[in-house]
């Protein structure tokens, strides 16, 4: 999963937001199936970056949903969102 996350970051940096969103979404879904507390940082970083990628790709609705999930500190069936990441996700939610 770490290599997929890195590929997502590369795609995002190279202005390929649709591809980045797909890669981050794959990491999020895969890490979520394992739901191990030690993978929380990767899981929620992937979801956060998926939201940023969706936003850059013009997919505002899905981007808002993903950001809201991270800002709300996650879901009960997954490890908690690290607080600094939840705080970062709350800023765009307040602005939008």
C-alpha atoms as a PDB file:
ATOM      1  CA  UNK A   1       0.000   0.000   0.000  1.00  0.00           C
ATOM      2  CA  UNK A   2       2.862   2.387   0.693  1.00  0.00           C
ATOM      3  CA  UNK A   3       4.030   2.250  -2.959  1.00  0.00           C
ATOM      4  CA  UNK A   4       0.484   3.028  -4.168  1.00  0.00           C
ATOM      5  CA  UNK A   5       0.364   6.002  -1.824  1.00  0.00           C
ATOM      6  CA  UNK A   6       3.690   7.230  -3.233  1.00  0.00           C
ATOM      7  CA  UNK A   7       2.373   6.836  -6.788  1.00  0.00           C
ATOM      8  CA  UNK A   8      -0.675   8.874  -5.775  1.00  0.00           C
ATOM      9  CA  UNK A   9       1.555  11.648  -4.456  1.00  0.00           C
ATOM     10  CA  UNK A  10       3.548  11.603  -7.691  1.00  0.00           C
ATOM     11  CA  UNK A  11       0.379  11.801  -9.795  1.00  0.00           C
ATOM     12  CA  UNK A  12      -0.904  14.684  -7.659  1.00  0.00           C
ATOM     13  CA  UNK A  13       2.392  16.570  -8.001  1.00  0.00           C
ATOM     14  CA  UNK A  14       2.384  16.003 -11.767  1.00  0.00           C
ATOM     15  CA  UNK A  15      -1.093  17.534 -12.148  1.00  0.00           C
ATOM     16  CA  UNK A  16      -2.899  14.239 -12.744  1.00  0.00           C
ATOM     17  CA  UNK A  17      -5.586  14.587 -10.053  1.00  0.00           C
ATOM     18  CA  UNK A  18      -7.993  11.980 -11.438  1.00  0.00           C
ATOM     19  CA  UNK A  19      -5.292   9.315 -11.404  1.00  0.00           C
ATOM     20  CA  UNK A  20      -4.152  10.462  -7.952  1.00  0.00           C
ATOM     21  CA  UNK A  21      -7.702  10.225  -6.577  1.00  0.00           C
ATOM     22  CA  UNK A  22      -8.003   6.691  -7.920  1.00  0.00           C
ATOM     23  CA  UNK A  23      -4.701   5.637  -6.343  1.00  0.00           C
ATOM     24  CA  UNK A  24      -5.479   7.222  -2.972  1.00  0.00           C
ATOM     25  CA  UNK A  25      -8.949   5.653  -3.041  1.00  0.00           C
ATOM     26  CA  UNK A  26      -7.428   2.235  -3.631  1.00  0.00           C
ATOM     27  CA  UNK A  27      -5.077   2.708  -0.672  1.00  0.00           C
ATOM     28  CA  UNK A  28      -7.961   3.878   1.544  1.00  0.00           C
ATOM     29  CA  UNK A  29     -10.199   0.950   0.620  1.00  0.00           C
ATOM     30  CA  UNK A  30      -7.416  -1.615   1.002  1.00  0.00           C
ATOM     31  CA  UNK A  31      -6.167  -0.225   4.307  1.00  0.00           C
ATOM     32  CA  UNK A  32      -9.752  -0.013   5.551  1.00  0.00           C
ATOM     33  CA  UNK A  33     -10.314  -3.704   4.933  1.00  0.00           C
ATOM     34  CA  UNK A  34      -7.386  -4.450   7.230  1.00  0.00           C
ATOM     35  CA  UNK A  35      -8.405  -1.733   9.733  1.00  0.00           C
ATOM     36  CA  UNK A  36      -5.300  -2.184  11.912  1.00  0.00           C
ATOM     37  CA  UNK A  37      -4.633   0.689  14.337  1.00  0.00           C
ATOM     38  CA  UNK A  38      -1.002   0.869  13.208  1.00  0.00           C
ATOM     39  CA  UNK A  39      -2.227   1.671   9.667  1.00  0.00           C
ATOM     40  CA  UNK A  40      -4.439   4.590  10.751  1.00  0.00           C
ATOM     41  CA  UNK A  41      -1.996   7.228   9.506  1.00  0.00           C
ATOM     42  CA  UNK A  42      -1.813   5.655   6.029  1.00  0.00           C
ATOM     43  CA  UNK A  43      -5.558   4.981   5.914  1.00  0.00           C
ATOM     44  CA  UNK A  44      -6.617   8.524   6.755  1.00  0.00           C
ATOM     45  CA  UNK A  45      -3.787  10.239   4.879  1.00  0.00           C
ATOM     46  CA  UNK A  46      -4.948   8.379   1.792  1.00  0.00           C
ATOM     47  CA  UNK A  47      -8.548   9.507   2.338  1.00  0.00           C
ATOM     48  CA  UNK A  48      -7.460  13.112   2.913  1.00  0.00           C
ATOM     49  CA  UNK A  49      -5.290  13.154  -0.202  1.00  0.00           C
ATOM     50  CA  UNK A  50      -8.073  11.475  -2.170  1.00  0.00           C
ATOM     51  CA  UNK A  51     -10.270  14.441  -1.204  1.00  0.00           C
ATOM     52  CA  UNK A  52      -7.625  16.960  -2.290  1.00  0.00           C
ATOM     53  CA  UNK A  53      -7.188  15.118  -5.589  1.00  0.00           C
ATOM     54  CA  UNK A  54     -10.934  14.989  -6.208  1.00  0.00           C
ATOM     55  CA  UNK A  55     -11.127  18.717  -5.491  1.00  0.00           C
ATOM     56  CA  UNK A  56      -8.368  19.460  -8.009  1.00  0.00           C
ATOM     57  CA  UNK A  57     -10.154  17.248 -10.522  1.00  0.00           C
ATOM     58  CA  UNK A  58     -13.325  19.321 -10.157  1.00  0.00           C
ATOM     59  CA  UNK A  59     -15.285  16.616  -8.310  1.00  0.00           C
ATOM     60  CA  UNK A  60     -16.499  18.857  -5.498  1.00  0.00           C
ATOM     61  CA  UNK A  61     -19.252  16.617  -4.086  1.00  0.00           C
ATOM     62  CA  UNK A  62     -17.104  13.512  -3.559  1.00  0.00           C
ATOM     63  CA  UNK A  63     -14.266  15.728  -2.299  1.00  0.00           C
ATOM     64  CA  UNK A  64     -16.521  17.290   0.355  1.00  0.00           C
ATOM     65  CA  UNK A  65     -17.751  13.852   1.441  1.00  0.00           C
ATOM     66  CA  UNK A  66     -14.207  12.545   1.873  1.00  0.00           C
ATOM     67  CA  UNK A  67     -13.068  15.668   3.750  1.00  0.00           C
ATOM     68  CA  UNK A  68     -16.121  15.527   6.008  1.00  0.00           C
ATOM     69  CA  UNK A  69     -15.343  11.904   6.872  1.00  0.00           C
ATOM     70  CA  UNK A  70     -11.783  12.783   7.878  1.00  0.00           C
ATOM     71  CA  UNK A  71     -12.881  15.957   9.702  1.00  0.00           C
ATOM     72  CA  UNK A  72     -15.483  13.985  11.681  1.00  0.00           C
ATOM     73  CA  UNK A  73     -12.657  11.784  12.981  1.00  0.00           C
ATOM     74  CA  UNK A  74     -13.550   8.774  10.860  1.00  0.00           C
ATOM     75  CA  UNK A  75     -15.997   5.945  11.155  1.00  0.00           C
ATOM     76  CA  UNK A  76     -16.730   3.607  14.073  1.00  0.00           C
ATOM     77  CA  UNK A  77     -15.543   0.542  12.134  1.00  0.00           C
ATOM     78  CA  UNK A  78     -12.077   2.030  11.460  1.00  0.00           C
ATOM     79  CA  UNK A  79      -9.186   3.254  13.602  1.00  0.00           C
ATOM     80  CA  UNK A  80      -9.516   6.888  14.682  1.00  0.00           C
ATOM     81  CA  UNK A  81      -8.228   9.709  12.507  1.00  0.00           C
ATOM     82  CA  UNK A  82      -4.991  11.229  13.829  1.00  0.00           C
ATOM     83  CA  UNK A  83      -5.941  14.635  15.272  1.00  0.00           C
ATOM     84  CA  UNK A  84      -3.584  16.757  13.115  1.00  0.00           C
ATOM     85  CA  UNK A  85      -5.121  15.213   9.992  1.00  0.00           C
ATOM     86  CA  UNK A  86      -8.669  15.756  11.253  1.00  0.00           C
ATOM     87  CA  UNK A  87      -7.779  19.402  11.966  1.00  0.00           C
ATOM     88  CA  UNK A  88      -6.374  19.828   8.434  1.00  0.00           C
ATOM     89  CA  UNK A  89      -9.594  18.399   6.982  1.00  0.00           C
ATOM     90  CA  UNK A  90     -11.777  20.700   9.088  1.00  0.00           C
ATOM     91  CA  UNK A  91     -10.325  23.893   7.591  1.00  0.00           C
ATOM     92  CA  UNK A  92     -11.758  23.342   4.063  1.00  0.00           C
ATOM     93  CA  UNK A  93     -15.042  22.116   5.577  1.00  0.00           C
ATOM     94  CA  UNK A  94     -15.415  25.392   7.512  1.00  0.00           C
ATOM     95  CA  UNK A  95     -14.507  27.471   4.469  1.00  0.00           C
ATOM     96  CA  UNK A  96     -16.837  25.637   2.085  1.00  0.00           C
END
